[in-house]
Amino acid sequence: MSLGVLLLCFLSLSFAQSDVLPMNDSITLGSQNGYPLKYQGEVVTMKKLGELFADNPAANLEFDAAKTNQTFGMIFAYSGGFMLGWTLGTAIGGGDPNWALAGAGAACIIIAIPLATAAKKRTLQAVELYNAGLSQVEASRLQLNIAGGKDGLGLVLRF
């Protein structure tokens, strides 16, 4: 009998879990410096992130700054790549290359690097703010207890 009661005690402990579980609406970070970002198992786009952050003012503000950095970074990167590529293409084709244009293109690319880094950093910060703002829900828990009554010992299952 005492062995049975001991086993039932261990069984009741095996159902013990945390009272609060995080919602599955959090955005998870990938293994490559935080990317790719996933929401409910799927990789999210910038448009989807904007929709998710709409209800969280702090995350939305940070994400707007990230989008601004990304936009200016892309403008500098594409224009710099074009200028550098045009000059190199002219040089390879046997024409007279404008090396000042190539220098300006390289400068634009160099400017784009910290803007892209800032965009990534701010996006990850917005994700952290979003995940921190999620409410937590109580998980339903099964409780198996041993209780004594007028007929002797018994098991009580609460859910």
Foldseek 3Di string as FASTA:
>chain_A
DVVVVVVLVVVQVVQDDDQWDADQQAWAFDDPLRPQIDGPRHGDDLVVVCVLCVVPVVLNVLLVLLVVLLVLLVVLLVLLVVQLVVQVVCVVVPHDGDVVSNVSSVVSNVVSVVSNVSSVVSNVVSSVSSSVPGDIDGDDTWGWDWDADPVGIDIDIDD
